[in-house]
Amino acid sequence: MPELVDREGFRRLFETFRHTAWRLETRRGYASDREDPDYQEFLAAGSAPCDLNEPWFVNIKAQTEAGKTVGRVRIADKPMTTGQRFLLDYSRYNAAVGEDIRYLWREDAADLPAEDFWIFDSRLVALLHFDDADNIVNIELITEPAEVVRYAIVRDAARHHAVPFNQFASTE
């Protein structure tokens, strides 16, 4: 039986990791983004506003200033979906607080699994499960060493082939 964590327990992982937190984003869109008022502004104006005093940004800035590494690779389609364009625009805010945001075209990511996950300190994986409407339905924690290594190999391959968001944005 998989070990599941609630949203609060998942949120705490971003405060308690010791060295690294890294994510692979493979979906074409996320319901949580579409529900964000910044997304509506993006649709109207072509660019999203952001409050760097939001809890996510405050915490990530504190973590990166403490010497920890936070990063992610986002898989993008050609042409990019509206949700992917929103996240590309939003990447500048993630980068402003110290996240290493990279991109990879879907066609170049064929060898990667179509799973969204966070890996913390190369010892714990939080596998995000979604429904057909792009809502997170549960978060599975994986600590079995061989499985964690499998996800670390995926992370290393994705990072190797991905490009920084600003370089990617200039080619999009």
N, C-alpha and C. Protein backbone atom coordinates (compact mmCIF):
# COMPACT_ATOMS: atom_id res chain seq x y z
N MET A 1 0.84 -1.18 0.00
CA MET A 1 0.00 0.00 0.00
C MET A 1 0.89 1.25 0.00
N PRO A 2 0.63 2.19 -0.91
CA PRO A 2 1.48 3.38 -0.97
C PRO A 2 1.31 4.26 0.27
N GLU A 3 2.39 4.95 0.62
CA GLU A 3 2.34 5.91 1.72
C GLU A 3 1.94 7.26 1.13
N LEU A 4 0.82 7.79 1.61
CA LEU A 4 0.33 9.07 1.13
C LEU A 4 0.57 10.14 2.18
N VAL A 5 0.74 11.38 1.70
CA VAL A 5 0.93 12.51 2.60
C VAL A 5 -0.16 13.54 2.26
N ASP A 6 -0.64 14.23 3.29
CA ASP A 6 -1.63 15.27 3.04
C ASP A 6 -0.92 16.54 2.57
N ARG A 7 -1.71 17.54 2.18
CA ARG A 7 -1.13 18.78 1.62
C ARG A 7 -0.22 19.48 2.63
N GLU A 8 -0.61 19.48 3.90
CA GLU A 8 0.19 20.13 4.92
C GLU A 8 1.53 19.41 5.10
N GLY A 9 1.51 18.10 5.12
CA GLY A 9 2.75 17.33 5.22
C GLY A 9 3.65 17.54 4.01
N PHE A 10 3.04 17.63 2.84
CA PHE A 10 3.79 17.90 1.61
C PHE A 10 4.42 19.30 1.69
N ARG A 11 3.66 20.29 2.11
CA ARG A 11 4.17 21.65 2.24
C ARG A 11 5.37 21.71 3.18
N ARG A 12 5.32 20.95 4.26
CA ARG A 12 6.43 20.95 5.23
C ARG A 12 7.73 20.42 4.63
N LEU A 13 7.63 19.55 3.63
CA LEU A 13 8.85 19.03 3.00
C LEU A 13 9.70 20.17 2.44
N PHE A 14 9.08 21.25 2.00
CA PHE A 14 9.81 22.38 1.43
C PHE A 14 10.47 23.25 2.50
N GLU A 15 10.11 23.01 3.74
CA GLU A 15 10.73 23.72 4.85
C GLU A 15 11.80 22.88 5.53
N THR A 16 11.71 21.56 5.38
CA THR A 16 12.58 20.68 6.14
C THR A 16 13.64 19.95 5.33
N PHE A 17 13.63 20.09 3.98
CA PHE A 17 14.67 19.41 3.22
C PHE A 17 16.02 20.00 3.61
N ARG A 18 17.08 19.19 3.49
CA ARG A 18 18.38 19.61 3.99
C ARG A 18 19.31 20.17 2.92
N HIS A 19 19.17 19.66 1.66
CA HIS A 19 20.12 20.06 0.63
C HIS A 19 19.47 20.45 -0.69
N THR A 20 18.63 19.56 -1.22
CA THR A 20 18.07 19.78 -2.55
C THR A 20 16.59 19.41 -2.61
N ALA A 21 15.87 20.18 -3.41
CA ALA A 21 14.48 19.86 -3.77
C ALA A 21 14.40 20.10 -5.27
N TRP A 22 13.91 19.11 -5.99
CA TRP A 22 13.88 19.20 -7.45
C TRP A 22 12.60 18.57 -7.99
N ARG A 23 12.05 19.17 -9.05
CA ARG A 23 10.79 18.69 -9.62
C ARG A 23 10.89 18.47 -11.12
N LEU A 24 10.18 17.44 -11.58
CA LEU A 24 9.92 17.25 -13.00
C LEU A 24 8.44 17.53 -13.22
N GLU A 25 8.15 18.47 -14.14
CA GLU A 25 6.77 18.83 -14.48
C GLU A 25 6.50 18.36 -15.90
N THR A 26 5.54 17.45 -16.05
CA THR A 26 5.29 16.85 -17.36
C THR A 26 3.91 17.15 -17.93
N ARG A 27 3.04 17.71 -17.14
CA ARG A 27 1.66 17.92 -17.60
C ARG A 27 1.55 19.13 -18.52
N ARG A 28 0.50 19.13 -19.30
CA ARG A 28 0.25 20.24 -20.23
C ARG A 28 -0.42 21.42 -19.55
N GLY A 29 -0.86 21.22 -18.34
CA GLY A 29 -1.50 22.27 -17.56
C GLY A 29 -1.85 21.76 -16.18
N TYR A 30 -2.11 22.69 -15.27
CA TYR A 30 -2.42 22.36 -13.89
C TYR A 30 -3.65 23.14 -13.46
N ALA A 31 -4.60 22.45 -12.85
CA ALA A 31 -5.82 23.11 -12.38
C ALA A 31 -5.50 24.21 -11.39
N SER A 32 -4.51 23.99 -10.53
CA SER A 32 -4.16 25.01 -9.53
C SER A 32 -3.70 26.31 -10.19
N ASP A 33 -3.02 26.21 -11.33
CA ASP A 33 -2.63 27.42 -12.05
C ASP A 33 -3.85 28.14 -12.61
N ARG A 34 -4.74 27.37 -13.20
CA ARG A 34 -5.93 27.98 -13.82
C ARG A 34 -6.83 28.66 -12.80
N GLU A 35 -6.74 28.25 -11.54
CA GLU A 35 -7.54 28.85 -10.47
C GLU A 35 -6.86 30.07 -9.86
N ASP A 36 -5.62 30.32 -10.21
CA ASP A 36 -4.84 31.43 -9.67
C ASP A 36 -5.25 32.74 -10.35
N PRO A 37 -5.55 33.80 -9.58
CA PRO A 37 -5.88 35.09 -10.19
C PRO A 37 -4.79 35.60 -11.13
N ASP A 38 -3.53 35.26 -10.88
CA ASP A 38 -2.44 35.67 -11.77
C ASP A 38 -2.60 35.06 -13.16
N TYR A 39 -3.20 33.87 -13.23
CA TYR A 39 -3.44 33.21 -14.51
C TYR A 39 -4.45 34.02 -15.32
N GLN A 40 -5.49 34.49 -14.66
CA GLN A 40 -6.49 35.32 -15.35
C GLN A 40 -5.86 36.61 -15.88
N GLU A 41 -4.98 37.20 -15.10
CA GLU A 41 -4.27 38.40 -15.54
C GLU A 41 -3.37 38.07 -16.73
N PHE A 42 -2.74 36.90 -16.69
CA PHE A 42 -1.90 36.46 -17.82
C PHE A 42 -2.74 36.35 -19.08
N LEU A 43 -3.94 35.76 -18.96
CA LEU A 43 -4.81 35.63 -20.12
C LEU A 43 -5.21 37.00 -20.68
N ALA A 44 -5.43 37.94 -19.79
CA ALA A 44 -5.88 39.27 -20.21
C ALA A 44 -4.74 40.13 -20.75
N ALA A 45 -3.58 40.05 -20.10
CA ALA A 45 -2.51 40.99 -20.42
C ALA A 45 -1.30 40.37 -21.11
N GLY A 46 -1.21 39.04 -21.09
CA GLY A 46 -0.06 38.38 -21.70
C GLY A 46 1.14 38.24 -20.78
N SER A 47 1.00 38.71 -19.55
CA SER A 47 2.05 38.59 -18.56
C SER A 47 1.39 38.51 -17.19
N ALA A 48 1.98 37.72 -16.32
CA ALA A 48 1.40 37.51 -15.00
C ALA A 48 2.07 38.40 -13.96
N PRO A 49 1.27 39.03 -13.10
CA PRO A 49 1.86 39.73 -11.96
C PRO A 49 2.26 38.70 -10.91
N CYS A 50 2.97 39.14 -9.94
CA CYS A 50 3.37 38.21 -8.88
C CYS A 50 3.71 38.98 -7.63
N ASP A 51 3.41 38.38 -6.50
CA ASP A 51 3.77 38.95 -5.21
C ASP A 51 4.86 38.07 -4.62
N LEU A 52 6.09 38.55 -4.63
CA LEU A 52 7.20 37.76 -4.10
C LEU A 52 7.13 37.59 -2.59
N ASN A 53 6.10 38.19 -1.96
CA ASN A 53 5.88 37.99 -0.53
C ASN A 53 4.91 36.85 -0.25
N GLU A 54 4.48 36.15 -1.31
CA GLU A 54 3.65 34.95 -1.10
C GLU A 54 4.48 33.91 -0.35
N PRO A 55 3.84 33.08 0.48
CA PRO A 55 4.58 32.11 1.29
C PRO A 55 5.54 31.22 0.50
N TRP A 56 5.13 30.76 -0.68
CA TRP A 56 6.02 29.89 -1.47
C TRP A 56 7.33 30.61 -1.77
N PHE A 57 7.25 31.81 -2.29
CA PHE A 57 8.44 32.54 -2.68
C PHE A 57 9.30 32.92 -1.47
N VAL A 58 8.67 33.32 -0.38
CA VAL A 58 9.41 33.67 0.83
C VAL A 58 10.20 32.46 1.32
N ASN A 59 9.56 31.29 1.36
CA ASN A 59 10.24 30.09 1.84
C ASN A 59 11.37 29.68 0.90
N ILE A 60 11.11 29.66 -0.40
CA ILE A 60 12.15 29.22 -1.34
C ILE A 60 13.33 30.18 -1.30
N LYS A 61 13.08 31.46 -1.19
CA LYS A 61 14.18 32.42 -1.08
C LYS A 61 15.00 32.14 0.18
N ALA A 62 14.34 31.88 1.29
CA ALA A 62 15.05 31.56 2.53
C ALA A 62 15.88 30.29 2.38
N GLN A 63 15.31 29.29 1.73
CA GLN A 63 16.03 28.03 1.55
C GLN A 63 17.26 28.21 0.67
N THR A 64 17.10 28.92 -0.45
CA THR A 64 18.24 29.09 -1.36
C THR A 64 19.29 30.01 -0.75
N GLU A 65 18.86 31.02 0.00
CA GLU A 65 19.83 31.88 0.67
C GLU A 65 20.60 31.13 1.75
N ALA A 66 20.02 30.03 2.26
CA ALA A 66 20.70 29.19 3.24
C ALA A 66 21.64 28.19 2.57
N GLY A 67 21.75 28.28 1.24
CA GLY A 67 22.68 27.42 0.50
C GLY A 67 22.06 26.15 -0.06
N LYS A 68 20.76 26.00 0.08
CA LYS A 68 20.08 24.83 -0.46
C LYS A 68 19.76 25.06 -1.94
N THR A 69 19.57 23.97 -2.67
CA THR A 69 19.29 24.04 -4.10
C THR A 69 17.84 23.65 -4.36
N VAL A 70 17.14 24.47 -5.14
CA VAL A 70 15.78 24.19 -5.55
C VAL A 70 15.74 24.35 -7.07
N GLY A 71 15.19 23.36 -7.75
CA GLY A 71 15.11 23.45 -9.20
C GLY A 71 14.02 22.60 -9.76
N ARG A 72 13.82 22.76 -11.06
CA ARG A 72 12.83 21.95 -11.76
C ARG A 72 13.10 21.99 -13.25
N VAL A 73 12.60 20.97 -13.91
CA VAL A 73 12.58 20.93 -15.36
C VAL A 73 11.12 20.79 -15.77
N ARG A 74 10.72 21.68 -16.68
CA ARG A 74 9.36 21.64 -17.22
C ARG A 74 9.41 21.14 -18.65
N ILE A 75 8.55 20.19 -18.95
CA ILE A 75 8.42 19.66 -20.30
C ILE A 75 7.39 20.53 -21.03
N ALA A 76 7.72 20.96 -22.25
CA ALA A 76 6.83 21.84 -23.01
C ALA A 76 6.51 21.25 -24.37
N ASP A 77 5.31 21.53 -24.83
CA ASP A 77 4.85 21.07 -26.13
C ASP A 77 5.10 22.14 -27.19
N LYS A 78 5.13 21.70 -28.44
CA LYS A 78 5.17 22.61 -29.60
C LYS A 78 3.86 22.45 -30.34
N PRO A 79 3.01 23.45 -30.38
CA PRO A 79 3.12 24.72 -29.68
C PRO A 79 2.81 24.54 -28.20
N MET A 80 3.28 25.49 -27.41
CA MET A 80 3.06 25.43 -25.97
C MET A 80 1.58 25.66 -25.67
N THR A 81 1.09 24.96 -24.65
CA THR A 81 -0.27 25.19 -24.18
C THR A 81 -0.31 26.54 -23.45
N THR A 82 -1.50 27.04 -23.23
CA THR A 82 -1.65 28.29 -22.47
C THR A 82 -1.06 28.12 -21.08
N GLY A 83 -1.30 26.99 -20.45
CA GLY A 83 -0.75 26.74 -19.12
C GLY A 83 0.77 26.73 -19.13
N GLN A 84 1.36 26.17 -20.16
CA GLN A 84 2.82 26.13 -20.26
C GLN A 84 3.38 27.54 -20.51
N ARG A 85 2.68 28.34 -21.31
CA ARG A 85 3.13 29.72 -21.53
C ARG A 85 3.03 30.54 -20.24
N PHE A 86 1.98 30.30 -19.46
CA PHE A 86 1.84 30.96 -18.16
C PHE A 86 3.04 30.61 -17.27
N LEU A 87 3.36 29.33 -17.18
CA LEU A 87 4.48 28.92 -16.31
C LEU A 87 5.81 29.46 -16.82
N LEU A 88 5.98 29.55 -18.13
CA LEU A 88 7.21 30.13 -18.67
C LEU A 88 7.31 31.59 -18.26
N ASP A 89 6.21 32.32 -18.35
CA ASP A 89 6.19 33.71 -17.91
C ASP A 89 6.50 33.80 -16.41
N TYR A 90 5.93 32.91 -15.64
CA TYR A 90 6.09 32.90 -14.18
C TYR A 90 7.49 32.48 -13.75
N SER A 91 8.23 31.83 -14.64
CA SER A 91 9.57 31.33 -14.30
C SER A 91 10.49 32.43 -13.79
N ARG A 92 10.30 33.65 -14.29
CA ARG A 92 11.17 34.74 -13.85
C ARG A 92 11.02 34.98 -12.35
N TYR A 93 9.83 34.75 -11.81
CA TYR A 93 9.62 34.93 -10.37
C TYR A 93 10.27 33.78 -9.59
N ASN A 94 10.12 32.56 -10.10
CA ASN A 94 10.79 31.43 -9.45
C ASN A 94 12.31 31.66 -9.42
N ALA A 95 12.85 32.12 -10.54
CA ALA A 95 14.29 32.37 -10.63
C ALA A 95 14.72 33.50 -9.70
N ALA A 96 13.87 34.49 -9.53
CA ALA A 96 14.20 35.64 -8.67
C ALA A 96 14.43 35.23 -7.22
N VAL A 97 13.83 34.12 -6.80
CA VAL A 97 14.02 33.66 -5.41
C VAL A 97 15.02 32.52 -5.33
N GLY A 98 15.69 32.22 -6.45
CA GLY A 98 16.79 31.26 -6.41
C GLY A 98 16.53 29.90 -7.03
N GLU A 99 15.35 29.67 -7.57
CA GLU A 99 15.10 28.38 -8.22
C GLU A 99 15.83 28.31 -9.55
N ASP A 100 16.32 27.13 -9.88
CA ASP A 100 16.92 26.85 -11.18
C ASP A 100 15.82 26.25 -12.05
N ILE A 101 15.24 27.06 -12.93
CA ILE A 101 14.12 26.65 -13.77
C ILE A 101 14.66 26.34 -15.17
N ARG A 102 14.40 25.13 -15.63
CA ARG A 102 14.87 24.70 -16.95
C ARG A 102 13.72 24.11 -17.74
N TYR A 103 13.92 24.05 -19.05
CA TYR A 103 12.88 23.57 -19.97
C TYR A 103 13.44 22.55 -20.93
N LEU A 104 12.54 21.69 -21.37
CA LEU A 104 12.86 20.65 -22.34
C LEU A 104 11.63 20.43 -23.21
N TRP A 105 11.83 20.44 -24.52
CA TRP A 105 10.71 20.14 -25.42
C TRP A 105 10.28 18.69 -25.22
N ARG A 106 8.99 18.45 -25.31
CA ARG A 106 8.45 17.10 -25.10
C ARG A 106 9.09 16.10 -26.06
N GLU A 107 9.31 16.51 -27.29
CA GLU A 107 9.91 15.60 -28.27
C GLU A 107 11.32 15.19 -27.87
N ASP A 108 11.99 16.00 -27.07
CA ASP A 108 13.33 15.68 -26.59
C ASP A 108 13.31 14.96 -25.25
N ALA A 109 12.12 14.75 -24.72
CA ALA A 109 11.96 14.11 -23.41
C ALA A 109 11.33 12.74 -23.51
N ALA A 110 11.39 12.14 -24.70
CA ALA A 110 10.71 10.87 -24.94
C ALA A 110 11.17 9.75 -23.99
N ASP A 111 12.40 9.82 -23.52
CA ASP A 111 12.91 8.77 -22.64
C ASP A 111 12.57 9.00 -21.17
N LEU A 112 11.95 10.13 -20.87
CA LEU A 112 11.57 10.42 -19.47
C LEU A 112 10.15 9.93 -19.20
N PRO A 113 9.88 9.52 -17.97
CA PRO A 113 8.52 9.10 -17.65
C PRO A 113 7.57 10.29 -17.64
N ALA A 114 6.31 10.01 -17.88
CA ALA A 114 5.28 11.07 -17.87
C ALA A 114 4.72 11.19 -16.45
N GLU A 115 5.61 11.43 -15.51
CA GLU A 115 5.24 11.55 -14.10
C GLU A 115 5.69 12.90 -13.57
N ASP A 116 4.89 13.49 -12.72
CA ASP A 116 5.29 14.69 -12.01
C ASP A 116 5.74 14.27 -10.62
N PHE A 117 6.90 14.73 -10.23
CA PHE A 117 7.39 14.37 -8.90
C PHE A 117 8.37 15.42 -8.40
N TRP A 118 8.51 15.45 -7.09
CA TRP A 118 9.56 16.18 -6.41
C TRP A 118 10.49 15.14 -5.80
N ILE A 119 11.78 15.42 -5.81
CA ILE A 119 12.73 14.56 -5.12
C ILE A 119 13.48 15.45 -4.12
N PHE A 120 13.51 15.01 -2.88
CA PHE A 120 14.11 15.77 -1.79
C PHE A 120 15.35 15.05 -1.28
N ASP A 121 16.48 15.75 -1.32
CA ASP A 121 17.74 15.25 -0.76
C ASP A 121 18.14 13.88 -1.30
N SER A 122 17.71 13.55 -2.49
CA SER A 122 18.02 12.26 -3.13
C SER A 122 17.68 11.08 -2.23
N ARG A 123 16.66 11.27 -1.38
CA ARG A 123 16.28 10.18 -0.47
C ARG A 123 14.77 9.97 -0.39
N LEU A 124 14.00 10.98 -0.85
CA LEU A 124 12.55 10.90 -0.75
C LEU A 124 11.93 11.48 -2.01
N VAL A 125 10.99 10.73 -2.58
CA VAL A 125 10.26 11.19 -3.77
C VAL A 125 8.82 11.42 -3.37
N ALA A 126 8.28 12.56 -3.80
CA ALA A 126 6.85 12.85 -3.65
C ALA A 126 6.27 12.77 -5.06
N LEU A 127 5.59 11.67 -5.34
CA LEU A 127 4.99 11.44 -6.66
C LEU A 127 3.58 12.03 -6.66
N LEU A 128 3.35 12.96 -7.58
CA LEU A 128 2.07 13.67 -7.63
C LEU A 128 1.13 12.95 -8.59
N HIS A 129 -0.03 12.57 -8.09
CA HIS A 129 -1.05 11.89 -8.90
C HIS A 129 -2.16 12.89 -9.22
N PHE A 130 -2.56 12.94 -10.49
CA PHE A 130 -3.55 13.89 -10.98
C PHE A 130 -4.77 13.18 -11.55
N ASP A 131 -5.90 13.89 -11.54
CA ASP A 131 -7.07 13.39 -12.25
C ASP A 131 -7.07 13.96 -13.67
N ASP A 132 -8.09 13.62 -14.44
CA ASP A 132 -8.14 14.07 -15.83
C ASP A 132 -8.33 15.57 -15.98
N ALA A 133 -8.74 16.24 -14.91
CA ALA A 133 -8.91 17.70 -14.95
C ALA A 133 -7.68 18.43 -14.40
N ASP A 134 -6.57 17.72 -14.23
CA ASP A 134 -5.29 18.29 -13.80
C ASP A 134 -5.25 18.70 -12.33
N ASN A 135 -6.13 18.13 -11.51
CA ASN A 135 -6.11 18.36 -10.07
C ASN A 135 -5.25 17.29 -9.40
N ILE A 136 -4.45 17.69 -8.42
CA ILE A 136 -3.73 16.69 -7.63
C ILE A 136 -4.75 15.93 -6.80
N VAL A 137 -4.74 14.61 -6.93
CA VAL A 137 -5.67 13.79 -6.14
C VAL A 137 -4.99 13.17 -4.94
N ASN A 138 -3.69 12.89 -5.06
CA ASN A 138 -2.94 12.45 -3.89
C ASN A 138 -1.45 12.58 -4.15
N ILE A 139 -0.70 12.51 -3.08
CA ILE A 139 0.74 12.64 -3.12
C ILE A 139 1.33 11.42 -2.42
N GLU A 140 2.05 10.65 -3.19
CA GLU A 140 2.62 9.40 -2.70
C GLU A 140 4.09 9.62 -2.34
N LEU A 141 4.47 9.20 -1.14
CA LEU A 141 5.86 9.29 -0.73
C LEU A 141 6.57 7.98 -1.01
N ILE A 142 7.73 8.07 -1.61
CA ILE A 142 8.52 6.90 -1.95
C ILE A 142 9.88 7.05 -1.29
N THR A 143 10.25 6.06 -0.49
CA THR A 143 11.55 6.08 0.19
C THR A 143 12.37 4.83 -0.10
N GLU A 144 11.80 3.87 -0.80
CA GLU A 144 12.52 2.64 -1.12
C GLU A 144 13.73 3.01 -1.96
N PRO A 145 14.94 2.67 -1.51
CA PRO A 145 16.16 3.18 -2.15
C PRO A 145 16.26 2.95 -3.67
N ALA A 146 15.92 1.78 -4.15
CA ALA A 146 16.04 1.53 -5.60
C ALA A 146 15.09 2.42 -6.39
N GLU A 147 13.92 2.67 -5.87
CA GLU A 147 12.97 3.56 -6.55
C GLU A 147 13.45 5.00 -6.51
N VAL A 148 13.98 5.42 -5.38
CA VAL A 148 14.51 6.78 -5.28
C VAL A 148 15.66 6.97 -6.28
N VAL A 149 16.52 5.99 -6.40
CA VAL A 149 17.62 6.06 -7.37
C VAL A 149 17.07 6.16 -8.79
N ARG A 150 16.01 5.42 -9.10
CA ARG A 150 15.41 5.49 -10.43
C ARG A 150 14.96 6.93 -10.72
N TYR A 151 14.32 7.57 -9.76
CA TYR A 151 13.88 8.97 -9.96
C TYR A 151 15.08 9.92 -10.04
N ALA A 152 16.14 9.63 -9.30
CA ALA A 152 17.34 10.47 -9.37
C ALA A 152 17.99 10.37 -10.75
N ILE A 153 17.95 9.21 -11.34
CA ILE A 153 18.48 9.04 -12.71
C ILE A 153 17.64 9.86 -13.69
N VAL A 154 16.33 9.85 -13.51
CA VAL A 154 15.44 10.67 -14.35
C VAL A 154 15.79 12.15 -14.17
N ARG A 155 15.97 12.57 -12.93
CA ARG A 155 16.35 13.96 -12.65
C ARG A 155 17.64 14.32 -13.37
N ASP A 156 18.64 13.47 -13.24
CA ASP A 156 19.93 13.78 -13.86
C ASP A 156 19.83 13.88 -15.38
N ALA A 157 19.07 12.98 -15.99
CA ALA A 157 18.89 13.01 -17.45
C ALA A 157 18.13 14.27 -17.87
N ALA A 158 17.08 14.60 -17.16
CA ALA A 158 16.29 15.78 -17.50
C ALA A 158 17.13 17.05 -17.37
N ARG A 159 17.86 17.18 -16.30
CA ARG A 159 18.70 18.37 -16.09
C ARG A 159 19.78 18.47 -17.16
N HIS A 160 20.34 17.35 -17.55
CA HIS A 160 21.41 17.35 -18.54
C HIS A 160 20.93 17.90 -19.89
N HIS A 161 19.73 17.55 -20.28
CA HIS A 161 19.23 17.93 -21.61
C HIS A 161 18.43 19.24 -21.62
N ALA A 162 18.04 19.73 -20.48
CA ALA A 162 17.18 20.94 -20.41
C ALA A 162 18.03 22.20 -20.49
N VAL A 163 17.36 23.29 -20.85
CA VAL A 163 18.04 24.58 -20.95
C VAL A 163 17.39 25.56 -19.97
N PRO A 164 18.16 26.55 -19.50
CA PRO A 164 17.60 27.55 -18.59
C PRO A 164 16.39 28.25 -19.22
N PHE A 165 15.44 28.63 -18.38
CA PHE A 165 14.18 29.17 -18.87
C PHE A 165 14.36 30.40 -19.76
N ASN A 166 15.31 31.27 -19.42
CA ASN A 166 15.48 32.48 -20.23
C ASN A 166 16.02 32.16 -21.62
N GLN A 167 16.88 31.16 -21.72
CA GLN A 167 17.39 30.71 -23.02
C GLN A 167 16.26 30.05 -23.80
N PHE A 168 15.46 29.25 -23.12
CA PHE A 168 14.33 28.57 -23.76
C PHE A 168 13.31 29.60 -24.26
N ALA A 169 13.03 30.60 -23.44
CA ALA A 169 12.03 31.62 -23.81
C ALA A 169 12.45 32.37 -25.06
N SER A 170 13.74 32.54 -25.26
CA SER A 170 14.20 33.27 -26.44
C SER A 170 14.08 32.44 -27.72
N THR A 171 13.89 31.12 -27.58
CA THR A 171 13.73 30.28 -28.77
C THR A 171 12.29 29.91 -29.03
N GLU A 172 11.41 30.18 -28.07
CA GLU A 172 9.99 29.79 -28.16
C GLU A 172 9.24 30.64 -29.13
